[in-house]
N, C-alpha and C. Protein backbone atom coordinates (compact mmCIF):
# COMPACT_ATOMS: atom_id res chain seq x y z
N MET A 1 -4.80 -17.88 -8.21
CA MET A 1 -4.41 -16.94 -7.18
C MET A 1 -5.57 -16.71 -6.24
N GLY A 2 -5.27 -16.65 -4.94
CA GLY A 2 -6.31 -16.42 -3.95
C GLY A 2 -6.71 -14.97 -3.86
N GLN A 3 -7.67 -14.73 -3.01
CA GLN A 3 -8.19 -13.38 -2.81
C GLN A 3 -7.67 -12.80 -1.50
N ARG A 4 -7.66 -11.49 -1.43
CA ARG A 4 -7.37 -10.75 -0.20
C ARG A 4 -8.68 -10.13 0.23
N ILE A 5 -9.07 -10.38 1.48
CA ILE A 5 -10.32 -9.83 2.00
C ILE A 5 -9.99 -9.06 3.27
N ASP A 6 -10.28 -7.76 3.26
CA ASP A 6 -10.02 -6.89 4.41
C ASP A 6 -11.25 -6.85 5.32
N PHE A 7 -11.01 -6.95 6.62
CA PHE A 7 -12.06 -6.82 7.63
C PHE A 7 -11.68 -5.65 8.54
N HIS A 8 -12.62 -4.73 8.74
CA HIS A 8 -12.38 -3.55 9.58
C HIS A 8 -13.35 -3.56 10.75
N HIS A 9 -12.86 -3.90 11.92
CA HIS A 9 -13.67 -3.91 13.14
C HIS A 9 -14.98 -4.68 12.93
N ASP A 10 -14.85 -5.82 12.29
CA ASP A 10 -15.98 -6.69 12.00
C ASP A 10 -16.01 -7.81 13.05
N PRO A 11 -17.08 -7.91 13.85
CA PRO A 11 -17.12 -8.95 14.88
C PRO A 11 -17.08 -10.37 14.30
N ASP A 12 -17.42 -10.51 13.02
CA ASP A 12 -17.39 -11.83 12.39
C ASP A 12 -16.07 -12.10 11.66
N ALA A 13 -15.11 -11.22 11.79
CA ALA A 13 -13.81 -11.41 11.12
C ALA A 13 -13.09 -12.61 11.72
N PRO A 14 -12.33 -13.31 10.90
CA PRO A 14 -11.51 -14.39 11.45
C PRO A 14 -10.44 -13.83 12.37
N LYS A 15 -9.99 -14.67 13.31
CA LYS A 15 -8.94 -14.24 14.24
C LYS A 15 -7.59 -14.25 13.54
N PRO A 16 -6.76 -13.23 13.79
CA PRO A 16 -5.45 -13.19 13.14
C PRO A 16 -4.55 -14.33 13.59
N ASN A 17 -3.72 -14.81 12.65
CA ASN A 17 -2.74 -15.84 12.96
C ASN A 17 -1.34 -15.44 12.53
N SER A 18 -1.17 -14.19 12.07
CA SER A 18 0.16 -13.70 11.72
C SER A 18 0.23 -12.19 11.82
N LEU A 19 1.44 -11.71 11.94
CA LEU A 19 1.73 -10.28 11.95
C LEU A 19 2.98 -10.12 11.10
N VAL A 20 2.84 -9.44 9.96
CA VAL A 20 3.93 -9.31 9.00
C VAL A 20 4.20 -7.84 8.75
N PRO A 21 5.40 -7.35 9.11
CA PRO A 21 5.71 -5.96 8.80
C PRO A 21 5.66 -5.72 7.29
N SER A 22 4.95 -4.66 6.91
CA SER A 22 4.83 -4.35 5.49
C SER A 22 4.98 -2.85 5.28
N VAL A 23 5.11 -2.48 4.02
CA VAL A 23 5.31 -1.08 3.67
C VAL A 23 4.46 -0.75 2.45
N ASN A 24 3.91 0.45 2.44
CA ASN A 24 3.29 1.03 1.24
C ASN A 24 4.04 2.31 0.94
N VAL A 25 4.04 2.69 -0.34
CA VAL A 25 4.75 3.89 -0.74
C VAL A 25 3.82 4.77 -1.57
N ILE A 26 3.67 6.01 -1.14
CA ILE A 26 2.94 6.98 -1.95
C ILE A 26 4.00 7.69 -2.78
N VAL A 27 4.09 7.24 -4.04
CA VAL A 27 5.09 7.74 -4.97
C VAL A 27 4.45 8.83 -5.81
N THR A 28 5.16 9.94 -5.96
CA THR A 28 4.66 11.02 -6.81
C THR A 28 5.65 11.29 -7.95
N ASN A 29 5.11 11.86 -9.02
CA ASN A 29 5.95 12.28 -10.15
C ASN A 29 6.12 13.81 -10.08
N ASP A 30 6.78 14.37 -11.07
CA ASP A 30 7.05 15.81 -11.06
C ASP A 30 5.78 16.65 -11.10
N ALA A 31 4.69 16.09 -11.63
CA ALA A 31 3.41 16.81 -11.68
C ALA A 31 2.62 16.70 -10.37
N GLY A 32 3.12 15.88 -9.42
CA GLY A 32 2.41 15.68 -8.17
C GLY A 32 1.38 14.58 -8.20
N ASP A 33 1.30 13.84 -9.32
CA ASP A 33 0.36 12.72 -9.42
C ASP A 33 0.85 11.56 -8.55
N LEU A 34 -0.09 10.73 -8.08
CA LEU A 34 0.22 9.58 -7.24
C LEU A 34 0.24 8.31 -8.08
N LEU A 35 1.20 7.45 -7.81
CA LEU A 35 1.31 6.16 -8.49
C LEU A 35 0.39 5.16 -7.80
N MET A 36 -0.56 4.62 -8.55
CA MET A 36 -1.55 3.71 -7.98
C MET A 36 -1.61 2.42 -8.79
N ILE A 37 -1.87 1.31 -8.08
CA ILE A 37 -2.05 0.03 -8.74
C ILE A 37 -3.48 -0.46 -8.53
N HIS A 38 -4.00 -1.11 -9.56
CA HIS A 38 -5.29 -1.80 -9.48
C HIS A 38 -4.94 -3.24 -9.15
N ARG A 39 -5.16 -3.63 -7.91
CA ARG A 39 -4.70 -4.92 -7.39
C ARG A 39 -5.44 -6.09 -8.03
N THR A 40 -4.72 -7.17 -8.24
CA THR A 40 -5.35 -8.37 -8.79
C THR A 40 -6.03 -9.20 -7.71
N ASP A 41 -5.64 -9.07 -6.44
CA ASP A 41 -6.17 -9.95 -5.40
C ASP A 41 -7.46 -9.47 -4.75
N ASN A 42 -7.80 -8.18 -4.91
CA ASN A 42 -9.06 -7.71 -4.32
C ASN A 42 -9.80 -6.70 -5.21
N ASP A 43 -9.28 -6.45 -6.40
CA ASP A 43 -9.90 -5.56 -7.39
C ASP A 43 -10.01 -4.11 -6.90
N ASN A 44 -9.22 -3.74 -5.89
CA ASN A 44 -9.19 -2.36 -5.40
C ASN A 44 -7.92 -1.67 -5.85
N TRP A 45 -7.91 -0.36 -5.75
CA TRP A 45 -6.73 0.45 -6.03
C TRP A 45 -5.98 0.69 -4.74
N ALA A 46 -4.66 0.82 -4.85
CA ALA A 46 -3.82 1.04 -3.67
C ALA A 46 -2.47 1.58 -4.11
N PRO A 47 -1.76 2.22 -3.19
CA PRO A 47 -0.36 2.52 -3.48
C PRO A 47 0.43 1.21 -3.48
N PRO A 48 1.53 1.13 -4.20
CA PRO A 48 2.31 -0.10 -4.21
C PRO A 48 2.85 -0.42 -2.81
N GLY A 49 3.10 -1.70 -2.58
CA GLY A 49 3.67 -2.10 -1.30
C GLY A 49 3.56 -3.58 -1.06
N GLY A 50 4.14 -4.01 0.05
CA GLY A 50 4.12 -5.41 0.41
C GLY A 50 4.99 -5.69 1.62
N ALA A 51 5.21 -6.97 1.87
CA ALA A 51 5.95 -7.41 3.05
C ALA A 51 7.42 -7.04 2.96
N ILE A 52 7.98 -6.77 4.12
CA ILE A 52 9.42 -6.53 4.23
C ILE A 52 10.09 -7.89 4.39
N ASP A 53 11.05 -8.18 3.52
CA ASP A 53 11.75 -9.46 3.57
C ASP A 53 12.88 -9.44 4.58
N LEU A 54 13.20 -10.62 5.12
CA LEU A 54 14.36 -10.73 5.99
C LEU A 54 15.60 -10.24 5.24
N GLY A 55 16.45 -9.49 5.93
CA GLY A 55 17.68 -9.02 5.33
C GLY A 55 17.57 -7.70 4.58
N GLU A 56 16.39 -7.09 4.57
CA GLU A 56 16.28 -5.79 3.90
C GLU A 56 15.72 -4.75 4.87
N SER A 57 16.09 -3.52 4.62
CA SER A 57 15.59 -2.40 5.42
C SER A 57 14.22 -1.98 4.91
N LEU A 58 13.57 -1.14 5.68
CA LEU A 58 12.28 -0.58 5.28
C LEU A 58 12.38 0.15 3.94
N PRO A 59 13.34 1.07 3.76
CA PRO A 59 13.44 1.74 2.46
C PRO A 59 13.77 0.78 1.31
N GLN A 60 14.60 -0.22 1.56
CA GLN A 60 14.91 -1.19 0.50
C GLN A 60 13.65 -1.95 0.08
N ALA A 61 12.84 -2.36 1.06
CA ALA A 61 11.60 -3.06 0.75
C ALA A 61 10.65 -2.16 -0.04
N ALA A 62 10.59 -0.90 0.35
CA ALA A 62 9.69 0.06 -0.33
C ALA A 62 10.08 0.23 -1.79
N VAL A 63 11.36 0.41 -2.05
CA VAL A 63 11.84 0.58 -3.43
C VAL A 63 11.62 -0.71 -4.22
N ARG A 64 11.92 -1.87 -3.62
CA ARG A 64 11.76 -3.15 -4.31
C ARG A 64 10.30 -3.41 -4.66
N GLU A 65 9.40 -3.26 -3.69
CA GLU A 65 7.98 -3.52 -3.93
C GLU A 65 7.42 -2.58 -5.00
N THR A 66 7.81 -1.32 -4.95
CA THR A 66 7.33 -0.37 -5.95
C THR A 66 7.79 -0.78 -7.34
N LEU A 67 9.04 -1.13 -7.49
CA LEU A 67 9.56 -1.56 -8.79
C LEU A 67 8.88 -2.83 -9.26
N GLU A 68 8.73 -3.83 -8.36
CA GLU A 68 8.11 -5.10 -8.75
C GLU A 68 6.67 -4.92 -9.22
N GLU A 69 5.91 -4.08 -8.53
CA GLU A 69 4.49 -3.95 -8.82
C GLU A 69 4.17 -2.93 -9.90
N THR A 70 5.10 -1.98 -10.17
CA THR A 70 4.74 -0.87 -11.06
C THR A 70 5.71 -0.60 -12.20
N GLY A 71 6.94 -1.13 -12.12
CA GLY A 71 7.95 -0.78 -13.12
C GLY A 71 8.62 0.55 -12.88
N ILE A 72 8.28 1.22 -11.77
CA ILE A 72 8.83 2.54 -11.44
C ILE A 72 9.87 2.39 -10.34
N THR A 73 11.04 2.98 -10.55
CA THR A 73 12.05 3.07 -9.51
C THR A 73 11.84 4.39 -8.78
N CYS A 74 11.83 4.32 -7.47
CA CYS A 74 11.62 5.53 -6.68
C CYS A 74 12.72 5.70 -5.65
N GLU A 75 12.80 6.91 -5.12
CA GLU A 75 13.64 7.14 -3.96
C GLU A 75 12.72 7.56 -2.82
N ILE A 76 13.06 7.12 -1.62
CA ILE A 76 12.21 7.38 -0.46
C ILE A 76 12.50 8.79 0.05
N THR A 77 11.41 9.53 0.34
CA THR A 77 11.56 10.92 0.74
C THR A 77 10.97 11.25 2.11
N GLY A 78 10.15 10.37 2.67
CA GLY A 78 9.54 10.71 3.95
C GLY A 78 8.62 9.64 4.49
N LEU A 79 7.91 10.00 5.54
CA LEU A 79 7.04 9.09 6.27
C LEU A 79 5.64 9.68 6.35
N VAL A 80 4.64 8.90 5.94
CA VAL A 80 3.24 9.29 6.11
C VAL A 80 2.77 8.89 7.49
N GLY A 81 3.08 7.63 7.88
CA GLY A 81 2.66 7.18 9.20
C GLY A 81 2.79 5.68 9.37
N THR A 82 2.37 5.25 10.56
CA THR A 82 2.35 3.83 10.90
C THR A 82 0.90 3.42 11.11
N TYR A 83 0.57 2.21 10.69
CA TYR A 83 -0.81 1.72 10.71
C TYR A 83 -0.80 0.31 11.29
N THR A 84 -1.25 0.21 12.57
CA THR A 84 -1.17 -1.06 13.29
C THR A 84 -2.47 -1.36 14.02
N ASP A 85 -3.58 -1.05 13.42
CA ASP A 85 -4.90 -1.25 14.04
C ASP A 85 -5.20 -2.74 14.16
N PRO A 86 -5.27 -3.30 15.39
CA PRO A 86 -5.57 -4.72 15.54
C PRO A 86 -6.99 -5.08 15.09
N GLY A 87 -7.85 -4.07 14.90
CA GLY A 87 -9.19 -4.32 14.39
C GLY A 87 -9.25 -4.46 12.88
N HIS A 88 -8.12 -4.28 12.20
CA HIS A 88 -8.04 -4.48 10.75
C HIS A 88 -7.24 -5.75 10.50
N VAL A 89 -7.93 -6.76 10.00
CA VAL A 89 -7.26 -8.01 9.64
C VAL A 89 -7.52 -8.32 8.17
N ILE A 90 -6.59 -9.04 7.58
CA ILE A 90 -6.64 -9.36 6.15
C ILE A 90 -6.57 -10.87 6.00
N LEU A 91 -7.59 -11.44 5.37
CA LEU A 91 -7.63 -12.87 5.08
C LEU A 91 -7.10 -13.11 3.69
N TYR A 92 -6.12 -14.01 3.59
CA TYR A 92 -5.59 -14.45 2.30
C TYR A 92 -6.15 -15.85 2.06
N THR A 93 -7.07 -15.95 1.10
CA THR A 93 -7.78 -17.21 0.90
C THR A 93 -6.89 -18.31 0.32
N SER A 94 -5.76 -17.95 -0.28
CA SER A 94 -4.89 -18.96 -0.89
C SER A 94 -4.25 -19.88 0.15
N ASN A 95 -4.02 -19.36 1.37
CA ASN A 95 -3.34 -20.18 2.37
C ASN A 95 -3.95 -20.09 3.76
N GLY A 96 -5.05 -19.36 3.92
CA GLY A 96 -5.71 -19.25 5.22
C GLY A 96 -5.03 -18.31 6.19
N GLU A 97 -4.03 -17.58 5.73
CA GLU A 97 -3.38 -16.61 6.60
C GLU A 97 -4.36 -15.49 6.93
N VAL A 98 -4.41 -15.11 8.19
CA VAL A 98 -5.21 -13.97 8.63
C VAL A 98 -4.23 -13.02 9.32
N ARG A 99 -3.90 -11.96 8.63
CA ARG A 99 -2.83 -11.06 9.04
C ARG A 99 -3.38 -9.84 9.75
N GLN A 100 -2.85 -9.56 10.94
CA GLN A 100 -3.16 -8.31 11.61
C GLN A 100 -2.38 -7.21 10.93
N GLU A 101 -3.03 -6.07 10.71
CA GLU A 101 -2.39 -4.95 10.03
C GLU A 101 -1.12 -4.50 10.77
N PHE A 102 -0.05 -4.34 10.00
CA PHE A 102 1.19 -3.72 10.50
C PHE A 102 1.88 -3.12 9.29
N SER A 103 1.58 -1.86 9.01
CA SER A 103 2.10 -1.23 7.81
C SER A 103 2.70 0.13 8.12
N ILE A 104 3.81 0.39 7.49
CA ILE A 104 4.45 1.70 7.55
C ILE A 104 4.32 2.30 6.16
N VAL A 105 3.83 3.52 6.09
CA VAL A 105 3.60 4.16 4.80
C VAL A 105 4.62 5.28 4.62
N LEU A 106 5.38 5.18 3.54
CA LEU A 106 6.42 6.14 3.21
C LEU A 106 6.01 6.97 2.01
N THR A 107 6.72 8.05 1.77
CA THR A 107 6.56 8.81 0.54
C THR A 107 7.80 8.57 -0.32
N GLY A 108 7.60 8.67 -1.61
CA GLY A 108 8.70 8.47 -2.53
C GLY A 108 8.54 9.36 -3.76
N ARG A 109 9.64 9.53 -4.47
CA ARG A 109 9.66 10.31 -5.70
C ARG A 109 10.12 9.40 -6.83
N ALA A 110 9.36 9.38 -7.92
CA ALA A 110 9.74 8.55 -9.08
C ALA A 110 11.03 9.09 -9.68
N VAL A 111 11.97 8.17 -9.97
CA VAL A 111 13.22 8.60 -10.61
C VAL A 111 13.41 8.00 -11.99
N SER A 112 12.77 6.86 -12.27
CA SER A 112 12.88 6.28 -13.61
C SER A 112 11.80 5.20 -13.79
N GLY A 113 11.66 4.76 -15.06
CA GLY A 113 10.73 3.68 -15.38
C GLY A 113 9.43 4.18 -15.97
N GLU A 114 8.67 3.23 -16.46
CA GLU A 114 7.35 3.48 -17.02
C GLU A 114 6.35 2.57 -16.33
N PRO A 115 5.13 3.04 -16.06
CA PRO A 115 4.13 2.19 -15.42
C PRO A 115 3.94 0.88 -16.18
N THR A 116 4.16 -0.23 -15.48
CA THR A 116 4.10 -1.57 -16.06
C THR A 116 3.38 -2.49 -15.08
N THR A 117 2.45 -3.28 -15.57
CA THR A 117 1.71 -4.18 -14.69
C THR A 117 2.57 -5.38 -14.29
N SER A 118 2.09 -6.09 -13.27
CA SER A 118 2.75 -7.29 -12.76
C SER A 118 1.68 -8.30 -12.39
N ALA A 119 2.09 -9.42 -11.80
CA ALA A 119 1.12 -10.41 -11.34
C ALA A 119 0.21 -9.83 -10.24
N GLU A 120 0.68 -8.80 -9.57
CA GLU A 120 -0.08 -8.20 -8.48
C GLU A 120 -0.87 -6.97 -8.89
N SER A 121 -0.64 -6.47 -10.11
CA SER A 121 -1.29 -5.23 -10.53
C SER A 121 -1.85 -5.36 -11.95
N ARG A 122 -3.17 -5.28 -12.07
CA ARG A 122 -3.80 -5.37 -13.39
C ARG A 122 -3.72 -4.06 -14.15
N GLU A 123 -3.57 -2.94 -13.42
CA GLU A 123 -3.37 -1.63 -14.02
C GLU A 123 -2.41 -0.85 -13.13
N VAL A 124 -1.59 -0.01 -13.74
CA VAL A 124 -0.72 0.90 -13.01
C VAL A 124 -0.89 2.27 -13.65
N GLN A 125 -1.25 3.26 -12.83
CA GLN A 125 -1.53 4.59 -13.40
C GLN A 125 -1.04 5.69 -12.48
N TRP A 126 -0.67 6.81 -13.09
CA TRP A 126 -0.47 8.05 -12.36
C TRP A 126 -1.84 8.70 -12.24
N VAL A 127 -2.23 9.05 -11.03
CA VAL A 127 -3.56 9.60 -10.78
C VAL A 127 -3.39 10.95 -10.08
N SER A 128 -4.13 11.94 -10.54
CA SER A 128 -4.01 13.28 -9.95
C SER A 128 -4.52 13.28 -8.51
N ARG A 129 -4.00 14.22 -7.75
CA ARG A 129 -4.41 14.37 -6.34
C ARG A 129 -5.92 14.59 -6.25
N ASP A 130 -6.49 15.30 -7.22
CA ASP A 130 -7.92 15.61 -7.20
C ASP A 130 -8.79 14.39 -7.49
N GLU A 131 -8.24 13.39 -8.17
CA GLU A 131 -9.04 12.24 -8.59
C GLU A 131 -8.77 10.97 -7.81
N VAL A 132 -7.67 10.91 -7.05
CA VAL A 132 -7.25 9.65 -6.46
C VAL A 132 -8.29 9.06 -5.51
N LEU A 133 -8.96 9.90 -4.73
CA LEU A 133 -9.92 9.36 -3.76
C LEU A 133 -11.22 8.90 -4.40
N SER A 134 -11.40 9.15 -5.70
CA SER A 134 -12.59 8.65 -6.39
C SER A 134 -12.42 7.19 -6.82
N LEU A 135 -11.21 6.65 -6.72
CA LEU A 135 -10.97 5.25 -7.09
C LEU A 135 -11.52 4.31 -6.02
N PRO A 136 -12.04 3.13 -6.42
CA PRO A 136 -12.46 2.16 -5.41
C PRO A 136 -11.24 1.60 -4.68
N MET A 137 -11.26 1.67 -3.35
CA MET A 137 -10.14 1.16 -2.56
C MET A 137 -10.61 0.76 -1.17
N ALA A 138 -9.81 -0.07 -0.52
CA ALA A 138 -10.11 -0.48 0.85
C ALA A 138 -10.05 0.73 1.76
N ALA A 139 -10.84 0.70 2.83
CA ALA A 139 -10.90 1.82 3.77
C ALA A 139 -9.52 2.15 4.33
N SER A 140 -8.69 1.14 4.58
CA SER A 140 -7.36 1.39 5.15
C SER A 140 -6.48 2.15 4.17
N MET A 141 -6.57 1.84 2.89
CA MET A 141 -5.76 2.55 1.89
C MET A 141 -6.28 3.98 1.71
N ARG A 142 -7.59 4.14 1.72
CA ARG A 142 -8.18 5.48 1.59
C ARG A 142 -7.69 6.37 2.74
N MET A 143 -7.70 5.84 3.96
CA MET A 143 -7.25 6.61 5.11
C MET A 143 -5.78 7.02 4.96
N ARG A 144 -4.94 6.12 4.49
CA ARG A 144 -3.52 6.42 4.32
C ARG A 144 -3.32 7.54 3.30
N ILE A 145 -4.05 7.47 2.20
CA ILE A 145 -3.93 8.50 1.18
C ILE A 145 -4.48 9.83 1.69
N GLU A 146 -5.59 9.78 2.44
CA GLU A 146 -6.14 11.01 3.03
C GLU A 146 -5.12 11.66 3.97
N HIS A 147 -4.42 10.85 4.76
CA HIS A 147 -3.39 11.41 5.65
C HIS A 147 -2.29 12.07 4.83
N TYR A 148 -1.88 11.42 3.74
CA TYR A 148 -0.85 12.01 2.87
C TYR A 148 -1.34 13.34 2.29
N LEU A 149 -2.55 13.34 1.73
CA LEU A 149 -3.08 14.53 1.08
C LEU A 149 -3.28 15.68 2.05
N ALA A 150 -3.57 15.37 3.32
CA ALA A 150 -3.77 16.42 4.31
C ALA A 150 -2.47 17.21 4.54
N GLY A 151 -1.34 16.53 4.38
CA GLY A 151 -0.05 17.22 4.43
C GLY A 151 0.20 18.02 5.68
N VAL A 152 -0.15 17.47 6.85
CA VAL A 152 0.02 18.21 8.08
C VAL A 152 1.46 18.27 8.56
N GLY A 153 2.35 17.50 7.96
CA GLY A 153 3.76 17.58 8.31
C GLY A 153 4.19 16.65 9.42
N LEU A 154 3.26 16.01 10.09
CA LEU A 154 3.62 15.06 11.14
C LEU A 154 3.14 13.67 10.75
N PRO A 155 3.88 12.62 11.04
CA PRO A 155 3.39 11.28 10.67
C PRO A 155 2.21 10.86 11.53
N HIS A 156 1.33 10.10 10.93
CA HIS A 156 0.22 9.47 11.64
C HIS A 156 0.79 8.27 12.39
N ILE A 157 0.44 8.15 13.65
CA ILE A 157 0.87 6.99 14.43
C ILE A 157 -0.40 6.28 14.89
N GLY A 158 -0.62 5.09 14.33
CA GLY A 158 -1.86 4.39 14.69
C GLY A 158 -1.76 2.92 14.47
C-alpha cells in the first residue's frame, strides 16, 4: 500500500492532477466522544471519510465510508464546513495522484456497531473532546476538528 503525503502551502509541493469530492464525518456517541481512526496510509489520526462515488449522495458516501473504516453505522446530523484550499494537496505514492483538497465535513451520530479496524484504519477509537486534539494528525484534520469543537453554529466555508 502506498503512502498519503499532505502538503500545506509548500512551494515544493507537486502540482495537483486531480480534484475528487470527498467527505469526512465527525461522528459522536451518546457521551459526546468523537470517532477517530488511526490511518494506515500516513500514520495520523483523522475522522473517517473518503471519496464520494458516482451514483451516491454526500450523506450516503459519509455513512458508507464511516461504516467501511470503523464498523460504526451513523446517521448524518449536520455540516461542519467545506474545505477547498488549493494550497493543500495530497500525494498518493501508490499511483502518483496529486489531489487538490475538496472535502465537505459533516457531523453524525452513532446508531449501531462496534469500533472495528479496516485496511484503512489500524486503530478505531472513541476519543473524548478534551483529548482529541492531543492525537497526531494532519493540519487539515486538526483544523476541521477545531471548527467542530468551537461549535459556533455556522459552517466553515473555505
